[in-house]
Amino acid sequence: MDLEEVLARVAEQSREELRIVRKRAEEKTAARDHGQDYHEMEQAADRLDHYAHQLRRLHDNEFGHGWRHESREDIGGG
């Protein structure tokens, strides 16, 4: 995937997770309620994290090392 495709997927998955979060908030669904929408939110979050990781790698390939300021501390185990 190229940068444009990954950015589109990140935006799409962000909107999907946000839609579910807003729906749960409207319905005042308790965080402990693990119904169908909770599992949909988990799946959307997993896909978003996957594409965000791809985006991070694409950025690193594009810009090299030492360019990060805000996200420098975000590197963690995966």
PDB file of N, CA and C in Angstrom:
ATOM      1  N   MET A   1       0.841  -1.180   0.000  1.00  0.00           N
ATOM      2  CA  MET A   1       0.000   0.000   0.000  1.00  0.00           C
ATOM      3  C   MET A   1       0.879   1.234   0.000  1.00  0.00           C
ATOM      4  N   ASP A   2       0.416   2.241  -0.701  1.00  0.00           N
ATOM      5  CA  ASP A   2       1.162   3.490  -0.709  1.00  0.00           C
ATOM      6  C   ASP A   2       0.571   4.459   0.325  1.00  0.00           C
ATOM      7  N   LEU A   3       1.192   5.600   0.475  1.00  0.00           N
ATOM      8  CA  LEU A   3       0.809   6.569   1.491  1.00  0.00           C
ATOM      9  C   LEU A   3      -0.653   7.000   1.341  1.00  0.00           C
ATOM     10  N   GLU A   4      -1.081   7.272   0.131  1.00  0.00           N
ATOM     11  CA  GLU A   4      -2.455   7.730  -0.089  1.00  0.00           C
ATOM     12  C   GLU A   4      -3.467   6.664   0.347  1.00  0.00           C
ATOM     13  N   GLU A   5      -3.210   5.418   0.000  1.00  0.00           N
ATOM     14  CA  GLU A   5      -4.118   4.328   0.377  1.00  0.00           C
ATOM     15  C   GLU A   5      -4.184   4.163   1.898  1.00  0.00           C
ATOM     16  N   VAL A   6      -3.037   4.210   2.537  1.00  0.00           N
ATOM     17  CA  VAL A   6      -3.007   4.020   3.986  1.00  0.00           C
ATOM     18  C   VAL A   6      -3.689   5.187   4.696  1.00  0.00           C
ATOM     19  N   LEU A   7      -3.452   6.399   4.240  1.00  0.00           N
ATOM     20  CA  LEU A   7      -4.125   7.554   4.843  1.00  0.00           C
ATOM     21  C   LEU A   7      -5.642   7.450   4.688  1.00  0.00           C
ATOM     22  N   ALA A   8      -6.100   6.989   3.534  1.00  0.00           N
ATOM     23  CA  ALA A   8      -7.537   6.809   3.317  1.00  0.00           C
ATOM     24  C   ALA A   8      -8.098   5.762   4.270  1.00  0.00           C
ATOM     25  N   ARG A   9      -7.365   4.679   4.467  1.00  0.00           N
ATOM     26  CA  ARG A   9      -7.824   3.617   5.378  1.00  0.00           C
ATOM     27  C   ARG A   9      -7.841   4.104   6.826  1.00  0.00           C
ATOM     28  N   VAL A  10      -6.823   4.880   7.220  1.00  0.00           N
ATOM     29  CA  VAL A  10      -6.790   5.433   8.576  1.00  0.00           C
ATOM     30  C   VAL A  10      -8.015   6.331   8.789  1.00  0.00           C
ATOM     31  N   ALA A  11      -8.302   7.182   7.825  1.00  0.00           N
ATOM     32  CA  ALA A  11      -9.457   8.075   7.941  1.00  0.00           C
ATOM     33  C   ALA A  11     -10.758   7.275   8.012  1.00  0.00           C
ATOM     34  N   GLU A  12     -10.885   6.279   7.170  1.00  0.00           N
ATOM     35  CA  GLU A  12     -12.089   5.446   7.131  1.00  0.00           C
ATOM     36  C   GLU A  12     -12.294   4.707   8.459  1.00  0.00           C
ATOM     37  N   GLN A  13     -11.244   4.086   8.967  1.00  0.00           N
ATOM     38  CA  GLN A  13     -11.363   3.340  10.210  1.00  0.00           C
ATOM     39  C   GLN A  13     -11.584   4.262  11.401  1.00  0.00           C
ATOM     40  N   SER A  14     -11.006   5.458  11.355  1.00  0.00           N
ATOM     41  CA  SER A  14     -11.236   6.438  12.423  1.00  0.00           C
ATOM     42  C   SER A  14     -12.709   6.824  12.471  1.00  0.00           C
ATOM     43  N   ARG A  15     -13.285   7.076  11.304  1.00  0.00           N
ATOM     44  CA  ARG A  15     -14.707   7.429  11.246  1.00  0.00           C
ATOM     45  C   ARG A  15     -15.579   6.279  11.748  1.00  0.00           C
ATOM     46  N   GLU A  16     -15.219   5.049  11.396  1.00  0.00           N
ATOM     47  CA  GLU A  16     -16.002   3.886  11.821  1.00  0.00           C
ATOM     48  C   GLU A  16     -15.958   3.727  13.341  1.00  0.00           C
ATOM     49  N   GLU A  17     -14.779   3.805  13.926  1.00  0.00           N
ATOM     50  CA  GLU A  17     -14.687   3.674  15.379  1.00  0.00           C
ATOM     51  C   GLU A  17     -15.415   4.829  16.065  1.00  0.00           C
ATOM     52  N   LEU A  18     -15.271   6.038  15.546  1.00  0.00           N
ATOM     53  CA  LEU A  18     -15.944   7.200  16.123  1.00  0.00           C
ATOM     54  C   LEU A  18     -17.460   7.045  16.049  1.00  0.00           C
ATOM     55  N   ARG A  19     -17.970   6.494  14.950  1.00  0.00           N
ATOM     56  CA  ARG A  19     -19.405   6.271  14.801  1.00  0.00           C
ATOM     57  C   ARG A  19     -19.912   5.345  15.921  1.00  0.00           C
ATOM     58  N   ILE A  20     -19.174   4.291  16.180  1.00  0.00           N
ATOM     59  CA  ILE A  20     -19.581   3.329  17.207  1.00  0.00           C
ATOM     60  C   ILE A  20     -19.478   3.950  18.593  1.00  0.00           C
ATOM     61  N   VAL A  21     -18.412   4.673  18.849  1.00  0.00           N
ATOM     62  CA  VAL A  21     -18.234   5.329  20.151  1.00  0.00           C
ATOM     63  C   VAL A  21     -19.381   6.312  20.400  1.00  0.00           C
ATOM     64  N   ARG A  22     -19.733   7.083  19.384  1.00  0.00           N
ATOM     65  CA  ARG A  22     -20.834   8.044  19.535  1.00  0.00           C
ATOM     66  C   ARG A  22     -22.162   7.339  19.754  1.00  0.00           C
ATOM     67  N   LYS A  23     -22.384   6.233  19.039  1.00  0.00           N
ATOM     68  CA  LYS A  23     -23.614   5.458  19.210  1.00  0.00           C
ATOM     69  C   LYS A  23     -23.710   4.943  20.638  1.00  0.00           C
ATOM     70  N   ARG A  24     -22.613   4.411  21.155  1.00  0.00           N
ATOM     71  CA  ARG A  24     -22.606   3.902  22.532  1.00  0.00           C
ATOM     72  C   ARG A  24     -22.843   5.033  23.527  1.00  0.00           C
ATOM     73  N   ALA A  25     -22.287   6.209  23.251  1.00  0.00           N
ATOM     74  CA  ALA A  25     -22.490   7.352  24.148  1.00  0.00           C
ATOM     75  C   ALA A  25     -23.952   7.808  24.117  1.00  0.00           C
ATOM     76  N   GLU A  26     -24.539   7.865  22.929  1.00  0.00           N
ATOM     77  CA  GLU A  26     -25.947   8.250  22.802  1.00  0.00           C
ATOM     78  C   GLU A  26     -26.853   7.297  23.569  1.00  0.00           C
ATOM     79  N   GLU A  27     -26.532   6.013  23.471  1.00  0.00           N
ATOM     80  CA  GLU A  27     -27.343   4.995  24.136  1.00  0.00           C
ATOM     81  C   GLU A  27     -26.951   4.822  25.598  1.00  0.00           C
ATOM     82  N   LYS A  28     -25.937   5.586  26.005  1.00  0.00           N
ATOM     83  CA  LYS A  28     -25.415   5.509  27.378  1.00  0.00           C
ATOM     84  C   LYS A  28     -25.049   4.060  27.736  1.00  0.00           C
ATOM     85  N   THR A  29     -24.390   3.411  26.777  1.00  0.00           N
ATOM     86  CA  THR A  29     -23.966   2.028  26.979  1.00  0.00           C
ATOM     87  C   THR A  29     -22.782   2.005  27.940  1.00  0.00           C
ATOM     88  N   ALA A  30     -22.898   1.207  28.970  1.00  0.00           N
ATOM     89  CA  ALA A  30     -21.819   1.092  29.957  1.00  0.00           C
ATOM     90  C   ALA A  30     -20.580   0.473  29.306  1.00  0.00           C
ATOM     91  N   ALA A  31     -19.411   0.930  29.718  1.00  0.00           N
ATOM     92  CA  ALA A  31     -18.154   0.409  29.169  1.00  0.00           C
ATOM     93  C   ALA A  31     -18.048  -1.096  29.376  1.00  0.00           C
ATOM     94  N   ARG A  32     -18.636  -1.595  30.434  1.00  0.00           N
ATOM     95  CA  ARG A  32     -18.547  -3.028  30.723  1.00  0.00           C
ATOM     96  C   ARG A  32     -19.493  -3.862  29.858  1.00  0.00           C
ATOM     97  N   ASP A  33     -20.408  -3.196  29.126  1.00  0.00           N
ATOM     98  CA  ASP A  33     -21.349  -3.898  28.250  1.00  0.00           C
ATOM     99  C   ASP A  33     -20.629  -4.308  26.973  1.00  0.00           C
ATOM    100  N   HIS A  34     -20.376  -5.581  26.835  1.00  0.00           N
ATOM    101  CA  HIS A  34     -19.616  -6.101  25.701  1.00  0.00           C
ATOM    102  C   HIS A  34     -20.539  -6.713  24.656  1.00  0.00           C
ATOM    103  N   GLY A  35     -21.519  -5.945  24.214  1.00  0.00           N
ATOM    104  CA  GLY A  35     -22.453  -6.414  23.198  1.00  0.00           C
ATOM    105  C   GLY A  35     -21.854  -6.362  21.803  1.00  0.00           C
ATOM    106  N   GLN A  36     -22.718  -6.492  20.811  1.00  0.00           N
ATOM    107  CA  GLN A  36     -22.295  -6.513  19.403  1.00  0.00           C
ATOM    108  C   GLN A  36     -21.521  -5.264  19.026  1.00  0.00           C
ATOM    109  N   ASP A  37     -21.998  -4.090  19.445  1.00  0.00           N
ATOM    110  CA  ASP A  37     -21.304  -2.854  19.072  1.00  0.00           C
ATOM    111  C   ASP A  37     -19.930  -2.761  19.724  1.00  0.00           C
ATOM    112  N   TYR A  38     -19.783  -3.346  20.893  1.00  0.00           N
ATOM    113  CA  TYR A  38     -18.468  -3.365  21.542  1.00  0.00           C
ATOM    114  C   TYR A  38     -17.475  -4.158  20.695  1.00  0.00           C
ATOM    115  N   HIS A  39     -17.904  -5.298  20.197  1.00  0.00           N
ATOM    116  CA  HIS A  39     -17.024  -6.130  19.372  1.00  0.00           C
ATOM    117  C   HIS A  39     -16.731  -5.467  18.031  1.00  0.00           C
ATOM    118  N   GLU A  40     -17.708  -4.742  17.493  1.00  0.00           N
ATOM    119  CA  GLU A  40     -17.474  -3.964  16.266  1.00  0.00           C
ATOM    120  C   GLU A  40     -16.441  -2.875  16.526  1.00  0.00           C
ATOM    121  N   MET A  41     -16.539  -2.246  17.690  1.00  0.00           N
ATOM    122  CA  MET A  41     -15.581  -1.201  18.049  1.00  0.00           C
ATOM    123  C   MET A  41     -14.188  -1.787  18.207  1.00  0.00           C
ATOM    124  N   GLU A  42     -14.095  -2.970  18.828  1.00  0.00           N
ATOM    125  CA  GLU A  42     -12.799  -3.646  18.960  1.00  0.00           C
ATOM    126  C   GLU A  42     -12.184  -3.919  17.589  1.00  0.00           C
ATOM    127  N   GLN A  43     -12.998  -4.424  16.671  1.00  0.00           N
ATOM    128  CA  GLN A  43     -12.501  -4.733  15.328  1.00  0.00           C
ATOM    129  C   GLN A  43     -12.066  -3.468  14.598  1.00  0.00           C
ATOM    130  N   ALA A  44     -12.857  -2.402  14.723  1.00  0.00           N
ATOM    131  CA  ALA A  44     -12.498  -1.134  14.084  1.00  0.00           C
ATOM    132  C   ALA A  44     -11.202  -0.590  14.682  1.00  0.00           C
ATOM    133  N   ALA A  45     -11.052  -0.702  16.003  1.00  0.00           N
ATOM    134  CA  ALA A  45      -9.832  -0.231  16.675  1.00  0.00           C
ATOM    135  C   ALA A  45      -8.621  -1.035  16.219  1.00  0.00           C
ATOM    136  N   ASP A  46      -8.795  -2.335  16.080  1.00  0.00           N
ATOM    137  CA  ASP A  46      -7.697  -3.189  15.637  1.00  0.00           C
ATOM    138  C   ASP A  46      -7.262  -2.823  14.217  1.00  0.00           C
ATOM    139  N   ARG A  47      -8.239  -2.623  13.334  1.00  0.00           N
ATOM    140  CA  ARG A  47      -7.901  -2.239  11.955  1.00  0.00           C
ATOM    141  C   ARG A  47      -7.234  -0.866  11.923  1.00  0.00           C
ATOM    142  N   LEU A  48      -7.748   0.069  12.722  1.00  0.00           N
ATOM    143  CA  LEU A  48      -7.154   1.406  12.779  1.00  0.00           C
ATOM    144  C   LEU A  48      -5.707   1.331  13.250  1.00  0.00           C
ATOM    145  N   ASP A  49      -5.450   0.561  14.294  1.00  0.00           N
ATOM    146  CA  ASP A  49      -4.081   0.409  14.791  1.00  0.00           C
ATOM    147  C   ASP A  49      -3.173  -0.212  13.733  1.00  0.00           C
ATOM    148  N   HIS A  50      -3.710  -1.181  12.991  1.00  0.00           N
ATOM    149  CA  HIS A  50      -2.939  -1.826  11.921  1.00  0.00           C
ATOM    150  C   HIS A  50      -2.529  -0.803  10.866  1.00  0.00           C
ATOM    151  N   TYR A  51      -3.488  -0.014  10.405  1.00  0.00           N
ATOM    152  CA  TYR A  51      -3.169   0.981   9.380  1.00  0.00           C
ATOM    153  C   TYR A  51      -2.287   2.104   9.926  1.00  0.00           C
ATOM    154  N   ALA A  52      -2.472   2.456  11.200  1.00  0.00           N
ATOM    155  CA  ALA A  52      -1.617   3.481  11.810  1.00  0.00           C
ATOM    156  C   ALA A  52      -0.174   2.992  11.869  1.00  0.00           C
ATOM    157  N   HIS A  53       0.006   1.703  12.147  1.00  0.00           N
ATOM    158  CA  HIS A  53       1.354   1.135  12.163  1.00  0.00           C
ATOM    159  C   HIS A  53       1.964   1.173  10.758  1.00  0.00           C
ATOM    160  N   GLN A  54       1.172   0.840   9.752  1.00  0.00           N
ATOM    161  CA  GLN A  54       1.655   0.917   8.370  1.00  0.00           C
ATOM    162  C   GLN A  54       2.025   2.354   8.019  1.00  0.00           C
ATOM    163  N   LEU A  55       1.195   3.300   8.457  1.00  0.00           N
ATOM    164  CA  LEU A  55       1.457   4.704   8.190  1.00  0.00           C
ATOM    165  C   LEU A  55       2.762   5.147   8.832  1.00  0.00           C
ATOM    166  N   ARG A  56       2.989   4.713  10.046  1.00  0.00           N
ATOM    167  CA  ARG A  56       4.237   5.058  10.746  1.00  0.00           C
ATOM    168  C   ARG A  56       5.449   4.544   9.971  1.00  0.00           C
ATOM    169  N   ARG A  57       5.366   3.304   9.478  1.00  0.00           N
ATOM    170  CA  ARG A  57       6.480   2.744   8.696  1.00  0.00           C
ATOM    171  C   ARG A  57       6.690   3.514   7.398  1.00  0.00           C
ATOM    172  N   LEU A  58       5.602   3.881   6.731  1.00  0.00           N
ATOM    173  CA  LEU A  58       5.727   4.666   5.502  1.00  0.00           C
ATOM    174  C   LEU A  58       6.376   6.019   5.779  1.00  0.00           C
ATOM    175  N   HIS A  59       5.970   6.651   6.871  1.00  0.00           N
ATOM    176  CA  HIS A  59       6.584   7.939   7.236  1.00  0.00           C
ATOM    177  C   HIS A  59       8.069   7.769   7.518  1.00  0.00           C
ATOM    178  N   ASP A  60       8.423   6.729   8.261  1.00  0.00           N
ATOM    179  CA  ASP A  60       9.843   6.503   8.562  1.00  0.00           C
ATOM    180  C   ASP A  60      10.641   6.251   7.289  1.00  0.00           C
ATOM    181  N   ASN A  61      10.068   5.499   6.368  1.00  0.00           N
ATOM    182  CA  ASN A  61      10.753   5.250   5.088  1.00  0.00           C
ATOM    183  C   ASN A  61      10.919   6.539   4.289  1.00  0.00           C
ATOM    184  N   GLU A  62       9.921   7.397   4.357  1.00  0.00           N
ATOM    185  CA  GLU A  62       9.951   8.653   3.607  1.00  0.00           C
ATOM    186  C   GLU A  62      10.925   9.661   4.212  1.00  0.00           C
ATOM    187  N   PHE A  63      10.887   9.802   5.541  1.00  0.00           N
ATOM    188  CA  PHE A  63      11.625  10.877   6.192  1.00  0.00           C
ATOM    189  C   PHE A  63      12.925  10.442   6.860  1.00  0.00           C
ATOM    190  N   GLY A  64      13.153   9.143   6.972  1.00  0.00           N
ATOM    191  CA  GLY A  64      14.378   8.673   7.609  1.00  0.00           C
ATOM    192  C   GLY A  64      14.275   8.734   9.122  1.00  0.00           C
ATOM    193  N   HIS A  65      15.409   8.797   9.779  1.00  0.00           N
ATOM    194  CA  HIS A  65      15.443   8.794  11.249  1.00  0.00           C
ATOM    195  C   HIS A  65      15.690  10.201  11.773  1.00  0.00           C
ATOM    196  N   GLY A  66      15.237  10.432  12.989  1.00  0.00           N
ATOM    197  CA  GLY A  66      15.515  11.702  13.658  1.00  0.00           C
ATOM    198  C   GLY A  66      14.547  12.823  13.332  1.00  0.00           C
ATOM    199  N   TRP A  67      13.486  12.550  12.613  1.00  0.00           N
ATOM    200  CA  TRP A  67      12.559  13.617  12.232  1.00  0.00           C
ATOM    201  C   TRP A  67      11.409  13.779  13.218  1.00  0.00           C
ATOM    202  N   ARG A  68      11.186  12.788  14.064  1.00  0.00           N
ATOM    203  CA  ARG A  68      10.034  12.822  14.978  1.00  0.00           C
ATOM    204  C   ARG A  68      10.272  13.775  16.156  1.00  0.00           C
ATOM    205  N   HIS A  69       9.217  14.479  16.511  1.00  0.00           N
ATOM    206  CA  HIS A  69       9.243  15.305  17.703  1.00  0.00           C
ATOM    207  C   HIS A  69       8.086  14.913  18.610  1.00  0.00           C
ATOM    208  N   GLU A  70       6.871  15.073  18.129  1.00  0.00           N
ATOM    209  CA  GLU A  70       5.673  14.762  18.927  1.00  0.00           C
ATOM    210  C   GLU A  70       5.567  13.272  19.218  1.00  0.00           C
ATOM    211  N   SER A  71       5.880  12.439  18.252  1.00  0.00           N
ATOM    212  CA  SER A  71       5.630  10.997  18.382  1.00  0.00           C
ATOM    213  C   SER A  71       6.857  10.194  18.737  1.00  0.00           C
ATOM    214  N   ARG A  72       7.908  10.851  19.114  1.00  0.00           N
ATOM    215  CA  ARG A  72       9.161  10.161  19.431  1.00  0.00           C
ATOM    216  C   ARG A  72       8.970   9.100  20.505  1.00  0.00           C
ATOM    217  N   GLU A  73       8.162   9.388  21.513  1.00  0.00           N
ATOM    218  CA  GLU A  73       7.977   8.471  22.638  1.00  0.00           C
ATOM    219  C   GLU A  73       6.925   7.392  22.372  1.00  0.00           C
ATOM    220  N   ASP A  74       6.279   7.439  21.198  1.00  0.00           N
ATOM    221  CA  ASP A  74       5.194   6.496  20.900  1.00  0.00           C
ATOM    222  C   ASP A  74       5.679   5.124  20.469  1.00  0.00           C
ATOM    223  N   ILE A  75       6.968   4.945  20.330  1.00  0.00           N
ATOM    224  CA  ILE A  75       7.501   3.662  19.879  1.00  0.00           C
ATOM    225  C   ILE A  75       7.400   2.684  21.042  1.00  0.00           C
ATOM    226  N   GLY A  76       6.722   1.575  20.777  1.00  0.00           N
ATOM    227  CA  GLY A  76       6.565   0.583  21.832  1.00  0.00           C
ATOM    228  C   GLY A  76       6.564  -0.800  21.247  1.00  0.00           C
ATOM    229  N   GLY A  77       6.399  -1.757  22.084  1.00  0.00           N
ATOM    230  CA  GLY A  77       6.326  -3.143  21.636  1.00  0.00           C
ATOM    231  C   GLY A  77       5.060  -3.376  20.857  1.00  0.00           C
ATOM    232  N   GLY A  78       5.060  -4.400  20.014  1.00  0.00           N
ATOM    233  CA  GLY A  78       3.873  -4.617  19.229  1.00  0.00           C
ATOM    234  C   GLY A  78       3.594  -6.017  19.132  1.00  0.00           C
TER     235      GLY A  78
END
